[in-house]
C-alpha atoms as a PDB file:
ATOM      1  CA  UNK A   1       0.000   0.000   0.000  1.00  0.00           C
ATOM      2  CA  UNK A   2       1.089   3.568  -0.651  1.00  0.00           C
ATOM      3  CA  UNK A   3       0.249   5.183   2.688  1.00  0.00           C
ATOM      4  CA  UNK A   4      -0.349   2.355   5.157  1.00  0.00           C
ATOM      5  CA  UNK A   5       2.504   0.195   6.391  1.00  0.00           C
ATOM      6  CA  UNK A   6       2.639  -2.693   8.837  1.00  0.00           C
ATOM      7  CA  UNK A   7       1.032  -0.613  11.594  1.00  0.00           C
ATOM      8  CA  UNK A   8      -0.800   2.422  10.254  1.00  0.00           C
ATOM      9  CA  UNK A   9       0.727   5.439   8.525  1.00  0.00           C
ATOM     10  CA  UNK A  10       4.259   6.387   9.551  1.00  0.00           C
ATOM     11  CA  UNK A  11       6.885   8.830   8.297  1.00  0.00           C
ATOM     12  CA  UNK A  12       9.558  11.263   9.418  1.00  0.00           C
ATOM     13  CA  UNK A  13       7.941  14.269  11.116  1.00  0.00           C
ATOM     14  CA  UNK A  14       9.064  16.446   8.184  1.00  0.00           C
ATOM     15  CA  UNK A  15       8.176  13.782   5.609  1.00  0.00           C
ATOM     16  CA  UNK A  16       5.296  14.024   3.130  1.00  0.00           C
ATOM     17  CA  UNK A  17       2.930  11.823   5.169  1.00  0.00           C
ATOM     18  CA  UNK A  18       3.350  13.957   8.291  1.00  0.00           C
ATOM     19  CA  UNK A  19       2.957  17.339   6.580  1.00  0.00           C
ATOM     20  CA  UNK A  20      -0.094  19.362   7.603  1.00  0.00           C
ATOM     21  CA  UNK A  21      -1.522  19.321   4.070  1.00  0.00           C
ATOM     22  CA  UNK A  22      -1.582  15.520   3.886  1.00  0.00           C
ATOM     23  CA  UNK A  23      -2.828  15.149   7.468  1.00  0.00           C
ATOM     24  CA  UNK A  24      -5.729  17.546   6.875  1.00  0.00           C
ATOM     25  CA  UNK A  25      -6.552  15.624   3.710  1.00  0.00           C
ATOM     26  CA  UNK A  26      -6.471  12.413   5.768  1.00  0.00           C
ATOM     27  CA  UNK A  27      -8.873  13.913   8.307  1.00  0.00           C
ATOM     28  CA  UNK A  28     -11.146  15.203   5.552  1.00  0.00           C
ATOM     29  CA  UNK A  29     -11.265  11.764   3.901  1.00  0.00           C
ATOM     30  CA  UNK A  30     -11.967  10.067   7.247  1.00  0.00           C
ATOM     31  CA  UNK A  31     -14.849  12.457   7.871  1.00  0.00           C
ATOM     32  CA  UNK A  32     -16.369  11.746   4.455  1.00  0.00           C
ATOM     33  CA  UNK A  33     -15.782   7.987   4.795  1.00  0.00           C
ATOM     34  CA  UNK A  34     -17.615   7.703   8.116  1.00  0.00           C
ATOM     35  CA  UNK A  35     -20.289  10.263   7.243  1.00  0.00           C
ATOM     36  CA  UNK A  36     -21.319   8.160   4.259  1.00  0.00           C
ATOM     37  CA  UNK A  37     -21.369   5.012   6.396  1.00  0.00           C
ATOM     38  CA  UNK A  38     -23.629   6.469   9.109  1.00  0.00           C
ATOM     39  CA  UNK A  39     -27.187   5.144   9.146  1.00  0.00           C
ATOM     40  CA  UNK A  40     -28.341   8.603  10.268  1.00  0.00           C
ATOM     41  CA  UNK A  41     -26.227  11.239   8.439  1.00  0.00           C
ATOM     42  CA  UNK A  42     -27.021  13.938  11.029  1.00  0.00           C
ATOM     43  CA  UNK A  43     -25.720  11.768  13.848  1.00  0.00           C
ATOM     44  CA  UNK A  44     -22.378  13.044  15.234  1.00  0.00           C
ATOM     45  CA  UNK A  45     -19.324  10.944  14.450  1.00  0.00           C
ATOM     46  CA  UNK A  46     -17.457  10.359  17.692  1.00  0.00           C
ATOM     47  CA  UNK A  47     -13.671  10.418  17.146  1.00  0.00           C
ATOM     48  CA  UNK A  48     -11.198   9.672  19.936  1.00  0.00           C
ATOM     49  CA  UNK A  49      -7.627  11.018  19.779  1.00  0.00           C
ATOM     50  CA  UNK A  50      -4.616   9.887  21.789  1.00  0.00           C
ATOM     51  CA  UNK A  51      -0.892  10.435  21.406  1.00  0.00           C
ATOM     52  CA  UNK A  52       2.469   9.532  22.860  1.00  0.00           C
ATOM     53  CA  UNK A  53       5.013  12.068  24.151  1.00  0.00           C
ATOM     54  CA  UNK A  54       6.491  13.232  20.810  1.00  0.00           C
ATOM     55  CA  UNK A  55       6.631  17.000  20.426  1.00  0.00           C
ATOM     56  CA  UNK A  56       5.040  16.668  16.958  1.00  0.00           C
ATOM     57  CA  UNK A  57       1.870  15.021  18.305  1.00  0.00           C
ATOM     58  CA  UNK A  58      -0.254  18.135  19.006  1.00  0.00           C
ATOM     59  CA  UNK A  59       0.501  19.603  15.560  1.00  0.00           C
ATOM     60  CA  UNK A  60      -0.464  16.376  13.831  1.00  0.00           C
ATOM     61  CA  UNK A  61      -3.672  16.092  15.854  1.00  0.00           C
ATOM     62  CA  UNK A  62      -4.633  19.686  15.017  1.00  0.00           C
ATOM     63  CA  UNK A  63      -4.150  19.119  11.271  1.00  0.00           C
ATOM     64  CA  UNK A  64      -6.222  15.916  11.234  1.00  0.00           C
ATOM     65  CA  UNK A  65      -8.954  17.500  13.374  1.00  0.00           C
ATOM     66  CA  UNK A  66      -9.200  20.479  11.009  1.00  0.00           C
ATOM     67  CA  UNK A  67      -9.631  18.109   8.083  1.00  0.00           C
ATOM     68  CA  UNK A  68     -12.336  16.171   9.915  1.00  0.00           C
ATOM     69  CA  UNK A  69     -14.212  19.406  10.600  1.00  0.00           C
ATOM     70  CA  UNK A  70     -13.940  20.475   6.943  1.00  0.00           C
ATOM     71  CA  UNK A  71     -15.630  17.281   5.779  1.00  0.00           C
ATOM     72  CA  UNK A  72     -19.051  18.704   6.599  1.00  0.00           C
ATOM     73  CA  UNK A  73     -19.866  15.803   8.894  1.00  0.00           C
ATOM     74  CA  UNK A  74     -20.935  16.443  12.464  1.00  0.00           C
ATOM     75  CA  UNK A  75     -17.799  15.516  14.398  1.00  0.00           C
ATOM     76  CA  UNK A  76     -17.560  14.957  18.159  1.00  0.00           C
ATOM     77  CA  UNK A  77     -13.877  14.955  19.136  1.00  0.00           C
ATOM     78  CA  UNK A  78     -12.592  13.452  22.385  1.00  0.00           C
ATOM     79  CA  UNK A  79      -8.967  14.200  23.334  1.00  0.00           C
ATOM     80  CA  UNK A  80      -7.324  11.638  25.611  1.00  0.00           C
ATOM     81  CA  UNK A  81      -4.013  13.510  25.678  1.00  0.00           C
ATOM     82  CA  UNK A  82      -0.884  11.448  26.298  1.00  0.00           C
ATOM     83  CA  UNK A  83      -1.961   7.835  26.840  1.00  0.00           C
ATOM     84  CA  UNK A  84      -0.668   4.365  25.949  1.00  0.00           C
ATOM     85  CA  UNK A  85      -2.140   2.871  22.797  1.00  0.00           C
ATOM     86  CA  UNK A  86      -4.154   0.280  24.782  1.00  0.00           C
ATOM     87  CA  UNK A  87      -5.770   3.151  26.738  1.00  0.00           C
ATOM     88  CA  UNK A  88      -6.852   4.783  23.472  1.00  0.00           C
ATOM     89  CA  UNK A  89      -8.309   1.486  22.265  1.00  0.00           C
ATOM     90  CA  UNK A  90     -10.117   1.083  25.594  1.00  0.00           C
ATOM     91  CA  UNK A  91     -11.583   4.592  25.328  1.00  0.00           C
ATOM     92  CA  UNK A  92     -12.862   3.884  21.808  1.00  0.00           C
ATOM     93  CA  UNK A  93     -14.644   0.813  23.134  1.00  0.00           C
ATOM     94  CA  UNK A  94     -15.967   2.545  26.283  1.00  0.00           C
ATOM     95  CA  UNK A  95     -17.313   5.551  24.350  1.00  0.00           C
ATOM     96  CA  UNK A  96     -18.842   3.446  21.584  1.00  0.00           C
ATOM     97  CA  UNK A  97     -16.869   5.469  19.026  1.00  0.00           C
ATOM     98  CA  UNK A  98     -16.511   4.287  15.408  1.00  0.00           C
ATOM     99  CA  UNK A  99     -13.038   5.826  15.065  1.00  0.00           C
ATOM    100  CA  UNK A 100      -9.952   6.150  17.241  1.00  0.00           C
ATOM    101  CA  UNK A 101      -6.751   7.871  16.136  1.00  0.00           C
ATOM    102  CA  UNK A 102      -3.496   7.176  17.987  1.00  0.00           C
ATOM    103  CA  UNK A 103      -0.578   9.421  17.065  1.00  0.00           C
ATOM    104  CA  UNK A 104       2.631   7.472  17.527  1.00  0.00           C
ATOM    105  CA  UNK A 105       5.550   5.918  15.718  1.00  0.00           C
ATOM    106  CA  UNK A 106       5.726   3.186  18.346  1.00  0.00           C
ATOM    107  CA  UNK A 107       9.358   2.196  19.054  1.00  0.00           C
ATOM    108  CA  UNK A 108      10.844   4.697  16.556  1.00  0.00           C
ATOM    109  CA  UNK A 109      12.673   7.844  17.635  1.00  0.00           C
ATOM    110  CA  UNK A 110      11.068  11.278  18.003  1.00  0.00           C
ATOM    111  CA  UNK A 111      12.168  12.163  14.467  1.00  0.00           C
ATOM    112  CA  UNK A 112       9.271   9.974  13.254  1.00  0.00           C
ATOM    113  CA  UNK A 113       5.570   9.963  13.978  1.00  0.00           C
ATOM    114  CA  UNK A 114       2.550   8.113  12.723  1.00  0.00           C
ATOM    115  CA  UNK A 115      -1.182   7.504  12.747  1.00  0.00           C
ATOM    116  CA  UNK A 116      -2.768   4.278  13.978  1.00  0.00           C
ATOM    117  CA  UNK A 117      -6.484   3.904  13.249  1.00  0.00           C
ATOM    118  CA  UNK A 118      -8.949   2.009  15.452  1.00  0.00           C
ATOM    119  CA  UNK A 119     -12.471   0.926  14.619  1.00  0.00           C
ATOM    120  CA  UNK A 120     -15.522   0.319  16.808  1.00  0.00           C
ATOM    121  CA  UNK A 121     -14.735  -1.943  19.728  1.00  0.00           C
ATOM    122  CA  UNK A 122     -11.173  -0.615  20.003  1.00  0.00           C
ATOM    123  CA  UNK A 123      -9.887  -2.891  17.235  1.00  0.00           C
ATOM    124  CA  UNK A 124      -7.166  -1.923  14.763  1.00  0.00           C
ATOM    125  CA  UNK A 125      -8.217  -1.561  11.168  1.00  0.00           C
ATOM    126  CA  UNK A 126      -7.562  -4.800   9.256  1.00  0.00           C
ATOM    127  CA  UNK A 127      -5.555  -4.727   6.036  1.00  0.00           C
ATOM    128  CA  UNK A 128      -8.576  -4.952   3.756  1.00  0.00           C
ATOM    129  CA  UNK A 129     -10.208  -1.905   5.341  1.00  0.00           C
ATOM    130  CA  UNK A 130      -6.960   0.054   5.171  1.00  0.00           C
ATOM    131  CA  UNK A 131      -6.618  -0.889   1.507  1.00  0.00           C
ATOM    132  CA  UNK A 132     -10.182   0.201   0.712  1.00  0.00           C
ATOM    133  CA  UNK A 133      -9.797   3.485   2.569  1.00  0.00           C
ATOM    134  CA  UNK A 134      -6.408   4.153   0.994  1.00  0.00           C
ATOM    135  CA  UNK A 135      -7.993   4.070  -2.458  1.00  0.00           C
ATOM    136  CA  UNK A 136     -10.631   6.526  -1.272  1.00  0.00           C
ATOM    137  CA  UNK A 137      -8.002   8.769   0.347  1.00  0.00           C
ATOM    138  CA  UNK A 138      -5.871   8.828  -2.790  1.00  0.00           C
ATOM    139  CA  UNK A 139      -8.861  10.019  -4.813  1.00  0.00           C
ATOM    140  CA  UNK A 140      -9.926  12.636  -2.246  1.00  0.00           C
ATOM    141  CA  UNK A 141      -8.641  16.209  -2.262  1.00  0.00           C
ATOM    142  CA  UNK A 142      -9.362  19.039   0.160  1.00  0.00           C
ATOM    143  CA  UNK A 143     -11.824  21.544  -1.293  1.00  0.00           C
ATOM    144  CA  UNK A 144     -10.300  24.742  -2.646  1.00  0.00           C
ATOM    145  CA  UNK A 145      -9.638  27.107  -1.127  1.00  0.00           C
ATOM    146  CA  UNK A 146      -8.872  25.053   1.967  1.00  0.00           C
ATOM    147  CA  UNK A 147      -9.634  27.053   5.077  1.00  0.00           C
ATOM    148  CA  UNK A 148      -8.758  26.481   8.699  1.00  0.00           C
ATOM    149  CA  UNK A 149     -11.630  25.083  10.761  1.00  0.00           C
ATOM    150  CA  UNK A 150     -11.256  24.667  14.515  1.00  0.00           C
ATOM    151  CA  UNK A 151     -13.518  21.870  15.754  1.00  0.00           C
ATOM    152  CA  UNK A 152     -14.778  21.633  19.317  1.00  0.00           C
ATOM    153  CA  UNK A 153     -12.706  19.192  21.358  1.00  0.00           C
ATOM    154  CA  UNK A 154     -13.698  17.561  24.651  1.00  0.00           C
ATOM    155  CA  UNK A 155     -11.113  16.349  27.149  1.00  0.00           C
ATOM    156  CA  UNK A 156     -11.480  12.625  27.747  1.00  0.00           C
ATOM    157  CA  UNK A 157     -10.285  11.088  31.071  1.00  0.00           C
ATOM    158  CA  UNK A 158      -8.973   7.993  29.328  1.00  0.00           C
ATOM    159  CA  UNK A 159      -5.821   7.733  31.455  1.00  0.00           C
ATOM    160  CA  UNK A 160      -7.770   7.563  34.702  1.00  0.00           C
ATOM    161  CA  UNK A 161     -10.244   5.028  33.309  1.00  0.00           C
ATOM    162  CA  UNK A 162      -7.426   2.859  31.951  1.00  0.00           C
ATOM    163  CA  UNK A 163      -5.438   2.901  35.201  1.00  0.00           C
ATOM    164  CA  UNK A 164      -8.561   2.040  37.164  1.00  0.00           C
ATOM    165  CA  UNK A 165      -9.393  -0.866  34.883  1.00  0.00           C
ATOM    166  CA  UNK A 166      -5.871  -2.322  35.123  1.00  0.00           C
ATOM    167  CA  UNK A 167      -5.769  -1.920  38.904  1.00  0.00           C
ATOM    168  CA  UNK A 168      -9.092  -3.747  39.153  1.00  0.00           C
ATOM    169  CA  UNK A 169      -7.515  -6.807  37.536  1.00  0.00           C
ATOM    170  CA  UNK A 170      -5.019  -7.039  40.409  1.00  0.00           C
ATOM    171  CA  UNK A 171      -5.724  -8.045  43.975  1.00  0.00           C
ATOM    172  CA  UNK A 172      -5.027  -5.538  46.727  1.00  0.00           C
ATOM    173  CA  UNK A 173      -1.309  -5.043  47.300  1.00  0.00           C
ATOM    174  CA  UNK A 174      -0.346  -8.229  45.514  1.00  0.00           C
ATOM    175  CA  UNK A 175       3.118  -6.867  44.645  1.00  0.00           C
ATOM    176  CA  UNK A 176       4.050  -5.817  48.182  1.00  0.00           C
ATOM    177  CA  UNK A 177       7.673  -6.703  48.928  1.00  0.00           C
ATOM    178  CA  UNK A 178       8.633  -6.834  45.251  1.00  0.00           C
ATOM    179  CA  UNK A 179      11.246  -4.464  43.855  1.00  0.00           C
ATOM    180  CA  UNK A 180      10.649  -3.630  40.196  1.00  0.00           C
ATOM    181  CA  UNK A 181      12.696  -1.630  37.701  1.00  0.00           C
ATOM    182  CA  UNK A 182      10.367   0.110  35.248  1.00  0.00           C
ATOM    183  CA  UNK A 183      11.613   1.657  31.987  1.00  0.00           C
ATOM    184  CA  UNK A 184       8.869   3.602  30.210  1.00  0.00           C
ATOM    185  CA  UNK A 185      11.014   4.743  27.247  1.00  0.00           C
ATOM    186  CA  UNK A 186      10.203   8.403  27.979  1.00  0.00           C
ATOM    187  CA  UNK A 187       6.931   7.527  26.337  1.00  0.00           C
ATOM    188  CA  UNK A 188       3.194   7.231  26.832  1.00  0.00           C
ATOM    189  CA  UNK A 189       3.340   4.920  29.881  1.00  0.00           C
ATOM    190  CA  UNK A 190       5.563   7.179  31.979  1.00  0.00           C
ATOM    191  CA  UNK A 191       2.685   7.859  34.401  1.00  0.00           C
ATOM    192  CA  UNK A 192       0.214   4.999  33.944  1.00  0.00           C
ATOM    193  CA  UNK A 193       2.420   1.961  34.548  1.00  0.00           C
ATOM    194  CA  UNK A 194       4.082   3.468  37.607  1.00  0.00           C
ATOM    195  CA  UNK A 195       0.709   4.388  39.078  1.00  0.00           C
ATOM    196  CA  UNK A 196      -0.636   0.858  38.638  1.00  0.00           C
ATOM    197  CA  UNK A 197       2.441  -0.910  40.015  1.00  0.00           C
ATOM    198  CA  UNK A 198       2.686   1.353  43.063  1.00  0.00           C
ATOM    199  CA  UNK A 199      -1.010   0.900  43.798  1.00  0.00           C
ATOM    200  CA  UNK A 200      -0.427  -2.853  43.797  1.00  0.00           C
ATOM    201  CA  UNK A 201       2.277  -2.427  46.426  1.00  0.00           C
ATOM    202  CA  UNK A 202       5.503  -2.671  44.418  1.00  0.00           C
ATOM    203  CA  UNK A 203       8.694  -0.883  45.391  1.00  0.00           C
ATOM    204  CA  UNK A 204       9.412   0.887  42.143  1.00  0.00           C
ATOM    205  CA  UNK A 205      12.546   2.333  40.592  1.00  0.00           C
ATOM    206  CA  UNK A 206      11.796   4.179  37.365  1.00  0.00           C
ATOM    207  CA  UNK A 207      14.075   4.936  34.439  1.00  0.00           C
ATOM    208  CA  UNK A 208      13.184   6.507  31.099  1.00  0.00           C
ATOM    209  CA  UNK A 209      10.390   8.421  32.814  1.00  0.00           C
ATOM    210  CA  UNK A 210      11.247  12.058  32.007  1.00  0.00           C
ATOM    211  CA  UNK A 211       9.846  12.750  28.513  1.00  0.00           C
ATOM    212  CA  UNK A 212      10.775  16.078  26.952  1.00  0.00           C
ATOM    213  CA  UNK A 213       9.112  15.615  23.559  1.00  0.00           C
ATOM    214  CA  UNK A 214      12.345  14.581  21.855  1.00  0.00           C
ATOM    215  CA  UNK A 215      13.767  11.708  23.935  1.00  0.00           C
ATOM    216  CA  UNK A 216      11.162   8.995  23.408  1.00  0.00           C
ATOM    217  CA  UNK A 217      12.876   5.595  22.864  1.00  0.00           C
ATOM    218  CA  UNK A 218      16.258   7.367  23.002  1.00  0.00           C
ATOM    219  CA  UNK A 219      18.546   4.618  24.282  1.00  0.00           C
ATOM    220  CA  UNK A 220      15.852   3.330  26.621  1.00  0.00           C
ATOM    221  CA  UNK A 221      12.696   1.236  26.650  1.00  0.00           C
ATOM    222  CA  UNK A 222      11.976  -2.127  25.107  1.00  0.00           C
ATOM    223  CA  UNK A 223      14.315  -1.570  22.156  1.00  0.00           C
ATOM    224  CA  UNK A 224      17.307  -0.961  24.450  1.00  0.00           C
ATOM    225  CA  UNK A 225      16.966  -3.413  27.362  1.00  0.00           C
ATOM    226  CA  UNK A 226      20.638  -3.294  28.430  1.00  0.00           C
ATOM    227  CA  UNK A 227      20.003  -0.343  30.761  1.00  0.00           C
ATOM    228  CA  UNK A 228      17.058  -2.180  32.319  1.00  0.00           C
ATOM    229  CA  UNK A 229      19.068  -5.354  32.887  1.00  0.00           C
ATOM    230  CA  UNK A 230      21.934  -3.401  34.427  1.00  0.00           C
ATOM    231  CA  UNK A 231      19.570  -1.588  36.796  1.00  0.00           C
ATOM    232  CA  UNK A 232      17.979  -4.857  37.916  1.00  0.00           C
ATOM    233  CA  UNK A 233      21.404  -6.202  38.900  1.00  0.00           C
ATOM    234  CA  UNK A 234      22.566  -2.966  40.520  1.00  0.00           C
ATOM    235  CA  UNK A 235      19.409  -2.594  42.590  1.00  0.00           C
ATOM    236  CA  UNK A 236      18.978  -6.324  43.258  1.00  0.00           C
ATOM    237  CA  UNK A 237      15.460  -6.063  41.936  1.00  0.00           C
ATOM    238  CA  UNK A 238      13.056  -8.944  41.467  1.00  0.00           C
ATOM    239  CA  UNK A 239      12.155  -8.087  37.897  1.00  0.00           C
ATOM    240  CA  UNK A 240      12.584  -5.473  35.187  1.00  0.00           C
ATOM    241  CA  UNK A 241       9.844  -4.214  32.881  1.00  0.00           C
ATOM    242  CA  UNK A 242      10.349  -2.049  29.769  1.00  0.00           C
ATOM    243  CA  UNK A 243       7.756  -0.565  27.422  1.00  0.00           C
ATOM    244  CA  UNK A 244       8.125   0.935  23.973  1.00  0.00           C
ATOM    245  CA  UNK A 245       7.125   4.527  23.260  1.00  0.00           C
ATOM    246  CA  UNK A 246       3.376   3.961  22.960  1.00  0.00           C
ATOM    247  CA  UNK A 247       3.101   1.167  25.502  1.00  0.00           C
ATOM    248  CA  UNK A 248       1.820  -1.666  23.344  1.00  0.00           C
ATOM    249  CA  UNK A 249       4.853  -3.914  23.694  1.00  0.00           C
ATOM    250  CA  UNK A 250       6.739  -5.249  26.673  1.00  0.00           C
ATOM    251  CA  UNK A 251      10.183  -6.612  27.474  1.00  0.00           C
ATOM    252  CA  UNK A 252      10.822  -8.336  30.805  1.00  0.00           C
ATOM    253  CA  UNK A 253      14.075  -9.354  32.444  1.00  0.00           C
ATOM    254  CA  UNK A 254      14.482 -11.620  35.468  1.00  0.00           C
ATOM    255  CA  UNK A 255      16.354 -11.042  38.715  1.00  0.00           C
ATOM    256  CA  UNK A 256      19.574 -12.185  37.049  1.00  0.00           C
ATOM    257  CA  UNK A 257      19.311  -9.402  34.452  1.00  0.00           C
ATOM    258  CA  UNK A 258      18.440 -11.774  31.610  1.00  0.00           C
ATOM    259  CA  UNK A 259      15.793 -10.786  29.066  1.00  0.00           C
ATOM    260  CA  UNK A 260      13.052 -13.402  28.962  1.00  0.00           C
ATOM    261  CA  UNK A 261      11.955 -14.771  25.573  1.00  0.00           C
ATOM    262  CA  UNK A 262       8.448 -14.150  24.305  1.00  0.00           C
END
């Protein structure tokens, strides 16, 4: 496919697929696509946005949102802010939204960004749907002259709902007495994972938990487990846990500092 890769649309932040013009066109095409699919055309299309900690995320969200608003469809935007990808998927399901948009380039550096699309139920778009939409997108152009439209955006407490749901899976302070090294890759899980593990009683030592917009996955996280393994040995921890930038993958090392397969 021309725009979609193995996991959504991804490019360098200054590349053609992350330029405002293309992103607004993407939003415009998404608005038209879902507007035509609605049983009741006047019914608002609920769209849920989330992003990781990349500095380019807010710009990309703004461009897509402007395109959605230009489509003429009634759009109801919910902004989850910085959340892990699973939290965005959970919010899509909880809100009954037909579309979720996660802005992330996953384990790539901050010089890249991307767009992951989710359908009703919090499921990623399958290849056949991406292929069908890509053909529609390629044939769709913004109306001329394109004008800036600022849609109304509602803050969505997706982080709190996600943390609460994960904590509910655990049992009391089930991790009391356990020392855990947590590497959140300066990414989307820098608050959520720590909050859950502490609530479950773990003694936590965090690394890669000071995002600045440009240091996501920079020598830390699941792609660079050496720092995690070293910290486990130095601190005599029971286990080490590392996420990637958007929190949808996990690397674990044991108390001997060895990365576990799987």
